[in-house]
């Protein structure tokens, strides 16, 4: 395979550049990310369709990752129960070194070929579930070994990688290959690769939640009322959807039923 993610930067002598030059060049590189994702959209769409099918059938989704990509998947997953009101445990993350050590960034754990599958087994993983491996290089041992075990056990396995024809893509039935090119700082895949991963996570989670009917029109009608800002947003959504004029009345109804969706159902709207 060609390790494009490790190829030399297109720019030399960064230390001699001005701040203006550095930010302009980084911005120009970042512009390439959306175009790379556009080329991979058919793969992204197939992966999302499989995730939706699994979750509609009562299965679960697992991100499996290490490094920057794995940490970004944690940030995506932890927001879903609040934003869309889904039960915790529907979307999960198995992170090299453990999610509980997220800020410690134990990079050496990505070489552990046993821990990923062991962690998935603790969740009682089955063929009802789907696992998505995250690896910029497409070679991370933690991810690769676990995906091979998934395939052997008949568990649907997808991936998001940034090198073509990688071992992890080969081990996946639903590979997403987003080729963003050499990084601005050679090998620093937290940059363009990380940006691509974050954008794809947004696509996966948002599209999946919409197809699971957790969104109506363009409103988060199942958002959990966890603070004043979100409660205020939900009150305004309810007022708009139900045609209510009095803010306090709408808030009382919302708090009684716990979500915009439940309040709308109770009002027969």
C-alpha atoms as a PDB file:
ATOM      1  CA  UNK A   1       0.000   0.000   0.000  1.00  0.00           C
ATOM      2  CA  UNK A   2       1.018   3.625  -0.502  1.00  0.00           C
ATOM      3  CA  UNK A   3       1.351   5.542   2.787  1.00  0.00           C
ATOM      4  CA  UNK A   4       0.215   8.921   1.502  1.00  0.00           C
ATOM      5  CA  UNK A   5      -0.323  10.096   5.071  1.00  0.00           C
ATOM      6  CA  UNK A   6       3.425   9.736   5.692  1.00  0.00           C
ATOM      7  CA  UNK A   7       4.614  11.412   2.504  1.00  0.00           C
ATOM      8  CA  UNK A   8       6.594  14.661   2.847  1.00  0.00           C
ATOM      9  CA  UNK A   9       4.674  17.907   3.202  1.00  0.00           C
ATOM     10  CA  UNK A  10       4.180  19.957   0.058  1.00  0.00           C
ATOM     11  CA  UNK A  11       5.739  22.855   1.968  1.00  0.00           C
ATOM     12  CA  UNK A  12       9.342  23.302   3.122  1.00  0.00           C
ATOM     13  CA  UNK A  13      11.060  25.339   5.808  1.00  0.00           C
ATOM     14  CA  UNK A  14       7.899  26.083   7.753  1.00  0.00           C
ATOM     15  CA  UNK A  15       9.951  27.711  10.491  1.00  0.00           C
ATOM     16  CA  UNK A  16      10.891  30.510   8.086  1.00  0.00           C
ATOM     17  CA  UNK A  17       7.294  31.385   7.182  1.00  0.00           C
ATOM     18  CA  UNK A  18       5.330  34.271   8.635  1.00  0.00           C
ATOM     19  CA  UNK A  19       2.145  33.684  10.604  1.00  0.00           C
ATOM     20  CA  UNK A  20       0.186  34.914   7.606  1.00  0.00           C
ATOM     21  CA  UNK A  21       1.915  32.458   5.288  1.00  0.00           C
ATOM     22  CA  UNK A  22       1.428  29.543   7.673  1.00  0.00           C
ATOM     23  CA  UNK A  23      -2.291  30.113   8.196  1.00  0.00           C
ATOM     24  CA  UNK A  24      -2.886  30.696   4.472  1.00  0.00           C
ATOM     25  CA  UNK A  25      -1.157  27.433   3.560  1.00  0.00           C
ATOM     26  CA  UNK A  26      -2.955  25.457   6.277  1.00  0.00           C
ATOM     27  CA  UNK A  27      -6.262  26.909   5.081  1.00  0.00           C
ATOM     28  CA  UNK A  28      -5.474  25.947   1.493  1.00  0.00           C
ATOM     29  CA  UNK A  29      -4.742  22.379   2.589  1.00  0.00           C
ATOM     30  CA  UNK A  30      -7.961  22.258   4.605  1.00  0.00           C
ATOM     31  CA  UNK A  31      -9.919  23.232   1.481  1.00  0.00           C
ATOM     32  CA  UNK A  32      -8.924  19.881  -0.016  1.00  0.00           C
ATOM     33  CA  UNK A  33     -10.702  17.898   2.713  1.00  0.00           C
ATOM     34  CA  UNK A  34     -14.303  18.435   1.592  1.00  0.00           C
ATOM     35  CA  UNK A  35     -13.381  17.538  -1.982  1.00  0.00           C
ATOM     36  CA  UNK A  36     -11.733  14.318  -0.809  1.00  0.00           C
ATOM     37  CA  UNK A  37     -14.861  13.431   1.172  1.00  0.00           C
ATOM     38  CA  UNK A  38     -17.031  14.189  -1.859  1.00  0.00           C
ATOM     39  CA  UNK A  39     -15.180  11.511  -3.817  1.00  0.00           C
ATOM     40  CA  UNK A  40     -15.819   9.034  -1.003  1.00  0.00           C
ATOM     41  CA  UNK A  41     -19.523   9.849  -0.516  1.00  0.00           C
ATOM     42  CA  UNK A  42     -20.751   6.610  -2.163  1.00  0.00           C
ATOM     43  CA  UNK A  43     -18.715   4.651   0.416  1.00  0.00           C
ATOM     44  CA  UNK A  44     -19.937   6.890   3.241  1.00  0.00           C
ATOM     45  CA  UNK A  45     -23.532   6.396   2.129  1.00  0.00           C
ATOM     46  CA  UNK A  46     -23.211   2.603   2.092  1.00  0.00           C
ATOM     47  CA  UNK A  47     -21.750   2.649   5.586  1.00  0.00           C
ATOM     48  CA  UNK A  48     -24.519   4.891   6.921  1.00  0.00           C
ATOM     49  CA  UNK A  49     -27.210   2.706   5.339  1.00  0.00           C
ATOM     50  CA  UNK A  50     -25.776  -0.333   7.127  1.00  0.00           C
ATOM     51  CA  UNK A  51     -25.609   1.548  10.445  1.00  0.00           C
ATOM     52  CA  UNK A  52     -29.236   2.671  10.111  1.00  0.00           C
ATOM     53  CA  UNK A  53     -30.360  -0.885   9.344  1.00  0.00           C
ATOM     54  CA  UNK A  54     -28.531  -2.275  12.382  1.00  0.00           C
ATOM     55  CA  UNK A  55     -29.861   0.361  14.764  1.00  0.00           C
ATOM     56  CA  UNK A  56     -33.420   0.044  13.456  1.00  0.00           C
ATOM     57  CA  UNK A  57     -33.191  -3.681  14.167  1.00  0.00           C
ATOM     58  CA  UNK A  58     -32.136  -3.080  17.769  1.00  0.00           C
ATOM     59  CA  UNK A  59     -28.399  -3.394  17.248  1.00  0.00           C
ATOM     60  CA  UNK A  60     -25.649  -1.062  18.364  1.00  0.00           C
ATOM     61  CA  UNK A  61     -22.849   0.870  16.711  1.00  0.00           C
ATOM     62  CA  UNK A  62     -19.257   0.822  17.932  1.00  0.00           C
ATOM     63  CA  UNK A  63     -16.500   3.187  16.896  1.00  0.00           C
ATOM     64  CA  UNK A  64     -13.154   1.434  17.322  1.00  0.00           C
ATOM     65  CA  UNK A  65     -10.118   3.671  17.249  1.00  0.00           C
ATOM     66  CA  UNK A  66      -6.855   5.030  18.551  1.00  0.00           C
ATOM     67  CA  UNK A  67      -5.067   8.348  18.428  1.00  0.00           C
ATOM     68  CA  UNK A  68      -6.701  11.536  17.176  1.00  0.00           C
ATOM     69  CA  UNK A  69      -9.391   9.742  15.174  1.00  0.00           C
ATOM     70  CA  UNK A  70     -10.428   7.601  18.099  1.00  0.00           C
ATOM     71  CA  UNK A  71     -10.618  10.626  20.391  1.00  0.00           C
ATOM     72  CA  UNK A  72     -12.719  12.532  17.861  1.00  0.00           C
ATOM     73  CA  UNK A  73     -15.163   9.625  17.699  1.00  0.00           C
ATOM     74  CA  UNK A  74     -15.617   9.916  21.476  1.00  0.00           C
ATOM     75  CA  UNK A  75     -16.607  13.565  21.091  1.00  0.00           C
ATOM     76  CA  UNK A  76     -19.183  12.602  18.463  1.00  0.00           C
ATOM     77  CA  UNK A  77     -20.707   9.742  20.416  1.00  0.00           C
ATOM     78  CA  UNK A  78     -21.056  11.476  23.778  1.00  0.00           C
ATOM     79  CA  UNK A  79     -23.266  14.233  22.361  1.00  0.00           C
ATOM     80  CA  UNK A  80     -25.878  11.987  20.751  1.00  0.00           C
ATOM     81  CA  UNK A  81     -27.974  11.048  23.812  1.00  0.00           C
ATOM     82  CA  UNK A  82     -28.423  14.727  24.700  1.00  0.00           C
ATOM     83  CA  UNK A  83     -28.976  16.110  21.196  1.00  0.00           C
ATOM     84  CA  UNK A  84     -31.218  13.333  19.907  1.00  0.00           C
ATOM     85  CA  UNK A  85     -32.547  11.679  23.049  1.00  0.00           C
ATOM     86  CA  UNK A  86     -31.285   8.216  22.157  1.00  0.00           C
ATOM     87  CA  UNK A  87     -30.545   5.797  25.025  1.00  0.00           C
ATOM     88  CA  UNK A  88     -26.942   5.596  26.136  1.00  0.00           C
ATOM     89  CA  UNK A  89     -25.299   2.489  24.746  1.00  0.00           C
ATOM     90  CA  UNK A  90     -26.759   2.726  21.250  1.00  0.00           C
ATOM     91  CA  UNK A  91     -23.587   4.402  19.933  1.00  0.00           C
ATOM     92  CA  UNK A  92     -20.373   3.403  21.720  1.00  0.00           C
ATOM     93  CA  UNK A  93     -16.629   3.930  21.450  1.00  0.00           C
ATOM     94  CA  UNK A  94     -13.859   1.429  22.085  1.00  0.00           C
ATOM     95  CA  UNK A  95     -10.709   3.532  22.381  1.00  0.00           C
ATOM     96  CA  UNK A  96      -7.157   2.221  22.644  1.00  0.00           C
ATOM     97  CA  UNK A  97      -6.160   2.784  26.243  1.00  0.00           C
ATOM     98  CA  UNK A  98      -9.777   3.243  27.324  1.00  0.00           C
ATOM     99  CA  UNK A  99     -12.174   6.177  27.018  1.00  0.00           C
ATOM    100  CA  UNK A 100     -11.512   6.926  30.689  1.00  0.00           C
ATOM    101  CA  UNK A 101      -7.918   7.825  29.705  1.00  0.00           C
ATOM    102  CA  UNK A 102      -8.972  10.085  26.831  1.00  0.00           C
ATOM    103  CA  UNK A 103      -6.964  13.150  27.862  1.00  0.00           C
ATOM    104  CA  UNK A 104      -3.855  11.126  28.632  1.00  0.00           C
ATOM    105  CA  UNK A 105      -3.488  10.058  24.974  1.00  0.00           C
ATOM    106  CA  UNK A 106      -1.758   6.700  25.628  1.00  0.00           C
ATOM    107  CA  UNK A 107      -0.518   6.319  22.056  1.00  0.00           C
ATOM    108  CA  UNK A 108       1.452   3.153  22.822  1.00  0.00           C
ATOM    109  CA  UNK A 109      -1.841   1.289  23.309  1.00  0.00           C
ATOM    110  CA  UNK A 110      -2.562   1.412  19.578  1.00  0.00           C
ATOM    111  CA  UNK A 111      -0.044  -1.407  19.110  1.00  0.00           C
ATOM    112  CA  UNK A 112      -2.025  -3.768  21.376  1.00  0.00           C
ATOM    113  CA  UNK A 113      -3.520  -6.470  19.139  1.00  0.00           C
ATOM    114  CA  UNK A 114      -5.624  -8.094  21.864  1.00  0.00           C
ATOM    115  CA  UNK A 115      -7.303  -5.197  23.662  1.00  0.00           C
ATOM    116  CA  UNK A 116      -9.763  -4.101  20.966  1.00  0.00           C
ATOM    117  CA  UNK A 117     -11.495  -7.440  20.568  1.00  0.00           C
ATOM    118  CA  UNK A 118     -11.376  -8.033  24.327  1.00  0.00           C
ATOM    119  CA  UNK A 119     -13.163  -4.722  24.912  1.00  0.00           C
ATOM    120  CA  UNK A 120     -15.807  -5.512  22.293  1.00  0.00           C
ATOM    121  CA  UNK A 121     -16.456  -8.882  23.919  1.00  0.00           C
ATOM    122  CA  UNK A 122     -17.085  -7.091  27.228  1.00  0.00           C
ATOM    123  CA  UNK A 123     -19.993  -5.384  25.444  1.00  0.00           C
ATOM    124  CA  UNK A 124     -21.271  -8.804  24.361  1.00  0.00           C
ATOM    125  CA  UNK A 125     -20.797  -7.801  20.725  1.00  0.00           C
ATOM    126  CA  UNK A 126     -22.850  -9.842  18.262  1.00  0.00           C
ATOM    127  CA  UNK A 127     -23.855  -9.976  14.619  1.00  0.00           C
ATOM    128  CA  UNK A 128     -26.723  -7.610  15.465  1.00  0.00           C
ATOM    129  CA  UNK A 129     -24.136  -4.837  15.894  1.00  0.00           C
ATOM    130  CA  UNK A 130     -21.824  -2.908  13.584  1.00  0.00           C
ATOM    131  CA  UNK A 131     -18.227  -1.831  14.231  1.00  0.00           C
ATOM    132  CA  UNK A 132     -16.491   1.082  12.483  1.00  0.00           C
ATOM    133  CA  UNK A 133     -12.710   1.158  12.717  1.00  0.00           C
ATOM    134  CA  UNK A 134     -10.956   4.531  12.704  1.00  0.00           C
ATOM    135  CA  UNK A 135      -7.378   4.741  11.468  1.00  0.00           C
ATOM    136  CA  UNK A 136      -5.755   7.442   9.358  1.00  0.00           C
ATOM    137  CA  UNK A 137      -2.936   5.112   8.336  1.00  0.00           C
ATOM    138  CA  UNK A 138      -5.200   2.118   7.776  1.00  0.00           C
ATOM    139  CA  UNK A 139      -2.675  -0.055   9.604  1.00  0.00           C
ATOM    140  CA  UNK A 140      -3.249   0.564  13.346  1.00  0.00           C
ATOM    141  CA  UNK A 141      -2.761  -2.868  15.006  1.00  0.00           C
ATOM    142  CA  UNK A 142      -5.398  -2.233  17.722  1.00  0.00           C
ATOM    143  CA  UNK A 143      -8.032  -1.577  15.063  1.00  0.00           C
ATOM    144  CA  UNK A 144      -6.888  -4.098  12.461  1.00  0.00           C
ATOM    145  CA  UNK A 145      -6.757  -7.088  14.796  1.00  0.00           C
ATOM    146  CA  UNK A 146     -10.211  -6.359  16.250  1.00  0.00           C
ATOM    147  CA  UNK A 147     -11.803  -5.880  12.820  1.00  0.00           C
ATOM    148  CA  UNK A 148     -10.399  -9.218  11.672  1.00  0.00           C
ATOM    149  CA  UNK A 149     -11.986 -10.849  14.716  1.00  0.00           C
ATOM    150  CA  UNK A 150     -15.273  -9.109  13.922  1.00  0.00           C
ATOM    151  CA  UNK A 151     -15.296 -10.418  10.375  1.00  0.00           C
ATOM    152  CA  UNK A 152     -14.473 -13.928  11.612  1.00  0.00           C
ATOM    153  CA  UNK A 153     -17.414 -13.716  14.025  1.00  0.00           C
ATOM    154  CA  UNK A 154     -19.822 -12.534  11.327  1.00  0.00           C
ATOM    155  CA  UNK A 155     -20.036  -8.980  12.700  1.00  0.00           C
ATOM    156  CA  UNK A 156     -20.416  -6.211  10.125  1.00  0.00           C
ATOM    157  CA  UNK A 157     -17.241  -4.128  10.012  1.00  0.00           C
ATOM    158  CA  UNK A 158     -16.677  -0.761   8.372  1.00  0.00           C
ATOM    159  CA  UNK A 159     -13.797   1.676   8.581  1.00  0.00           C
ATOM    160  CA  UNK A 160     -12.616   5.209   7.873  1.00  0.00           C
ATOM    161  CA  UNK A 161      -9.034   5.404   6.594  1.00  0.00           C
ATOM    162  CA  UNK A 162      -6.880   7.892   4.685  1.00  0.00           C
ATOM    163  CA  UNK A 163      -4.584   5.636   2.669  1.00  0.00           C
ATOM    164  CA  UNK A 164      -5.675   3.564  -0.351  1.00  0.00           C
ATOM    165  CA  UNK A 165      -5.799  -0.236  -0.258  1.00  0.00           C
ATOM    166  CA  UNK A 166      -4.868  -0.461   3.413  1.00  0.00           C
ATOM    167  CA  UNK A 167      -5.038  -3.633   5.533  1.00  0.00           C
ATOM    168  CA  UNK A 168      -7.891  -2.177   7.601  1.00  0.00           C
ATOM    169  CA  UNK A 169      -9.909  -1.406   4.466  1.00  0.00           C
ATOM    170  CA  UNK A 170      -9.284  -4.954   3.282  1.00  0.00           C
ATOM    171  CA  UNK A 171     -10.529  -6.300   6.619  1.00  0.00           C
ATOM    172  CA  UNK A 172     -13.735  -4.241   6.323  1.00  0.00           C
ATOM    173  CA  UNK A 173     -16.845  -5.015   4.314  1.00  0.00           C
ATOM    174  CA  UNK A 174     -17.763  -1.302   4.277  1.00  0.00           C
ATOM    175  CA  UNK A 175     -14.535   0.681   3.869  1.00  0.00           C
ATOM    176  CA  UNK A 176     -14.480   4.466   3.565  1.00  0.00           C
ATOM    177  CA  UNK A 177     -11.209   5.687   2.042  1.00  0.00           C
ATOM    178  CA  UNK A 178     -10.778   9.462   2.200  1.00  0.00           C
ATOM    179  CA  UNK A 179      -7.462  10.375   0.616  1.00  0.00           C
ATOM    180  CA  UNK A 180      -6.581  13.863   1.832  1.00  0.00           C
ATOM    181  CA  UNK A 181      -2.926  13.831   0.756  1.00  0.00           C
ATOM    182  CA  UNK A 182       0.290  14.637   2.637  1.00  0.00           C
ATOM    183  CA  UNK A 183      -0.133  16.645   5.826  1.00  0.00           C
ATOM    184  CA  UNK A 184       1.102  20.229   6.238  1.00  0.00           C
ATOM    185  CA  UNK A 185       3.426  19.010   8.964  1.00  0.00           C
ATOM    186  CA  UNK A 186       4.683  15.684   7.607  1.00  0.00           C
ATOM    187  CA  UNK A 187       2.834  12.766   9.195  1.00  0.00           C
ATOM    188  CA  UNK A 188       0.687  14.930  11.509  1.00  0.00           C
ATOM    189  CA  UNK A 189      -2.599  13.172  10.777  1.00  0.00           C
ATOM    190  CA  UNK A 190      -4.450  15.156  13.438  1.00  0.00           C
ATOM    191  CA  UNK A 191      -4.642  17.859  10.756  1.00  0.00           C
ATOM    192  CA  UNK A 192      -6.359  17.040   7.416  1.00  0.00           C
ATOM    193  CA  UNK A 193      -7.066  13.425   8.329  1.00  0.00           C
ATOM    194  CA  UNK A 194      -8.547  14.535  11.642  1.00  0.00           C
ATOM    195  CA  UNK A 195     -10.649  17.193   9.931  1.00  0.00           C
ATOM    196  CA  UNK A 196     -11.959  14.616   7.463  1.00  0.00           C
ATOM    197  CA  UNK A 197     -12.761  12.192  10.268  1.00  0.00           C
ATOM    198  CA  UNK A 198     -14.688  14.856  12.201  1.00  0.00           C
ATOM    199  CA  UNK A 199     -16.687  15.792   9.110  1.00  0.00           C
ATOM    200  CA  UNK A 200     -17.533  12.157   8.401  1.00  0.00           C
ATOM    201  CA  UNK A 201     -18.522  11.519  12.015  1.00  0.00           C
ATOM    202  CA  UNK A 202     -20.916  14.460  11.700  1.00  0.00           C
ATOM    203  CA  UNK A 203     -22.355  12.963   8.508  1.00  0.00           C
ATOM    204  CA  UNK A 204     -22.729   9.510  10.030  1.00  0.00           C
ATOM    205  CA  UNK A 205     -24.324  10.531  13.314  1.00  0.00           C
ATOM    206  CA  UNK A 206     -26.552  13.294  11.958  1.00  0.00           C
ATOM    207  CA  UNK A 207     -27.829  11.312   8.984  1.00  0.00           C
ATOM    208  CA  UNK A 208     -28.366   8.232  11.137  1.00  0.00           C
ATOM    209  CA  UNK A 209     -30.332  10.154  13.747  1.00  0.00           C
ATOM    210  CA  UNK A 210     -32.508  11.744  11.055  1.00  0.00           C
ATOM    211  CA  UNK A 211     -33.243   8.342   9.488  1.00  0.00           C
ATOM    212  CA  UNK A 212     -34.097   7.026  12.964  1.00  0.00           C
ATOM    213  CA  UNK A 213     -36.724   9.779  13.151  1.00  0.00           C
ATOM    214  CA  UNK A 214     -34.994  11.655  15.957  1.00  0.00           C
ATOM    215  CA  UNK A 215     -35.372  14.896  13.966  1.00  0.00           C
ATOM    216  CA  UNK A 216     -38.528  16.475  12.548  1.00  0.00           C
ATOM    217  CA  UNK A 217     -38.271  19.113   9.838  1.00  0.00           C
ATOM    218  CA  UNK A 218     -34.853  20.423  10.892  1.00  0.00           C
ATOM    219  CA  UNK A 219     -35.533  20.509  14.626  1.00  0.00           C
ATOM    220  CA  UNK A 220     -34.057  18.420  17.443  1.00  0.00           C
ATOM    221  CA  UNK A 221     -37.459  17.505  18.864  1.00  0.00           C
ATOM    222  CA  UNK A 222     -35.997  14.831  21.159  1.00  0.00           C
ATOM    223  CA  UNK A 223     -33.293  16.992  22.742  1.00  0.00           C
ATOM    224  CA  UNK A 224     -32.859  16.423  26.478  1.00  0.00           C
ATOM    225  CA  UNK A 225     -33.691  19.411  28.652  1.00  0.00           C
ATOM    226  CA  UNK A 226     -30.378  19.497  30.484  1.00  0.00           C
ATOM    227  CA  UNK A 227     -29.827  23.252  30.875  1.00  0.00           C
ATOM    228  CA  UNK A 228     -31.507  26.627  30.445  1.00  0.00           C
ATOM    229  CA  UNK A 229     -30.146  27.231  26.931  1.00  0.00           C
ATOM    230  CA  UNK A 230     -31.424  23.948  25.564  1.00  0.00           C
ATOM    231  CA  UNK A 231     -34.734  24.258  27.396  1.00  0.00           C
ATOM    232  CA  UNK A 232     -35.241  27.723  25.903  1.00  0.00           C
ATOM    233  CA  UNK A 233     -34.479  26.345  22.440  1.00  0.00           C
ATOM    234  CA  UNK A 234     -36.942  23.501  22.966  1.00  0.00           C
ATOM    235  CA  UNK A 235     -39.672  25.888  24.146  1.00  0.00           C
ATOM    236  CA  UNK A 236     -39.280  27.947  20.975  1.00  0.00           C
ATOM    237  CA  UNK A 237     -39.381  24.797  18.833  1.00  0.00           C
ATOM    238  CA  UNK A 238     -42.577  23.712  20.557  1.00  0.00           C
ATOM    239  CA  UNK A 239     -44.146  27.144  20.135  1.00  0.00           C
ATOM    240  CA  UNK A 240     -43.341  27.096  16.422  1.00  0.00           C
ATOM    241  CA  UNK A 241     -44.462  23.502  15.822  1.00  0.00           C
ATOM    242  CA  UNK A 242     -47.622  23.638  17.935  1.00  0.00           C
ATOM    243  CA  UNK A 243     -48.640  27.186  17.111  1.00  0.00           C
ATOM    244  CA  UNK A 244     -48.426  28.325  20.742  1.00  0.00           C
ATOM    245  CA  UNK A 245     -48.103  32.031  21.510  1.00  0.00           C
ATOM    246  CA  UNK A 246     -47.442  32.120  25.249  1.00  0.00           C
ATOM    247  CA  UNK A 247     -43.845  31.264  26.188  1.00  0.00           C
ATOM    248  CA  UNK A 248     -44.606  30.369  29.806  1.00  0.00           C
ATOM    249  CA  UNK A 249     -47.508  28.099  28.841  1.00  0.00           C
ATOM    250  CA  UNK A 250     -45.363  26.384  26.239  1.00  0.00           C
ATOM    251  CA  UNK A 251     -42.553  25.911  28.766  1.00  0.00           C
ATOM    252  CA  UNK A 252     -44.952  24.404  31.298  1.00  0.00           C
ATOM    253  CA  UNK A 253     -46.220  21.924  28.705  1.00  0.00           C
ATOM    254  CA  UNK A 254     -42.669  21.063  27.645  1.00  0.00           C
ATOM    255  CA  UNK A 255     -41.502  20.430  31.194  1.00  0.00           C
ATOM    256  CA  UNK A 256     -44.573  18.326  31.913  1.00  0.00           C
ATOM    257  CA  UNK A 257     -43.875  15.928  29.049  1.00  0.00           C
ATOM    258  CA  UNK A 258     -40.085  16.134  28.957  1.00  0.00           C
ATOM    259  CA  UNK A 259     -39.444  16.726  25.257  1.00  0.00           C
ATOM    260  CA  UNK A 260     -40.840  18.562  22.266  1.00  0.00           C
ATOM    261  CA  UNK A 261     -41.788  15.264  20.621  1.00  0.00           C
ATOM    262  CA  UNK A 262     -43.737  13.990  23.613  1.00  0.00           C
ATOM    263  CA  UNK A 263     -45.428  17.372  24.101  1.00  0.00           C
ATOM    264  CA  UNK A 264     -46.442  17.448  20.423  1.00  0.00           C
ATOM    265  CA  UNK A 265     -47.881  13.942  20.678  1.00  0.00           C
ATOM    266  CA  UNK A 266     -49.826  14.895  23.795  1.00  0.00           C
ATOM    267  CA  UNK A 267     -51.226  17.953  22.042  1.00  0.00           C
ATOM    268  CA  UNK A 268     -52.135  15.889  19.009  1.00  0.00           C
ATOM    269  CA  UNK A 269     -50.007  18.026  16.720  1.00  0.00           C
END
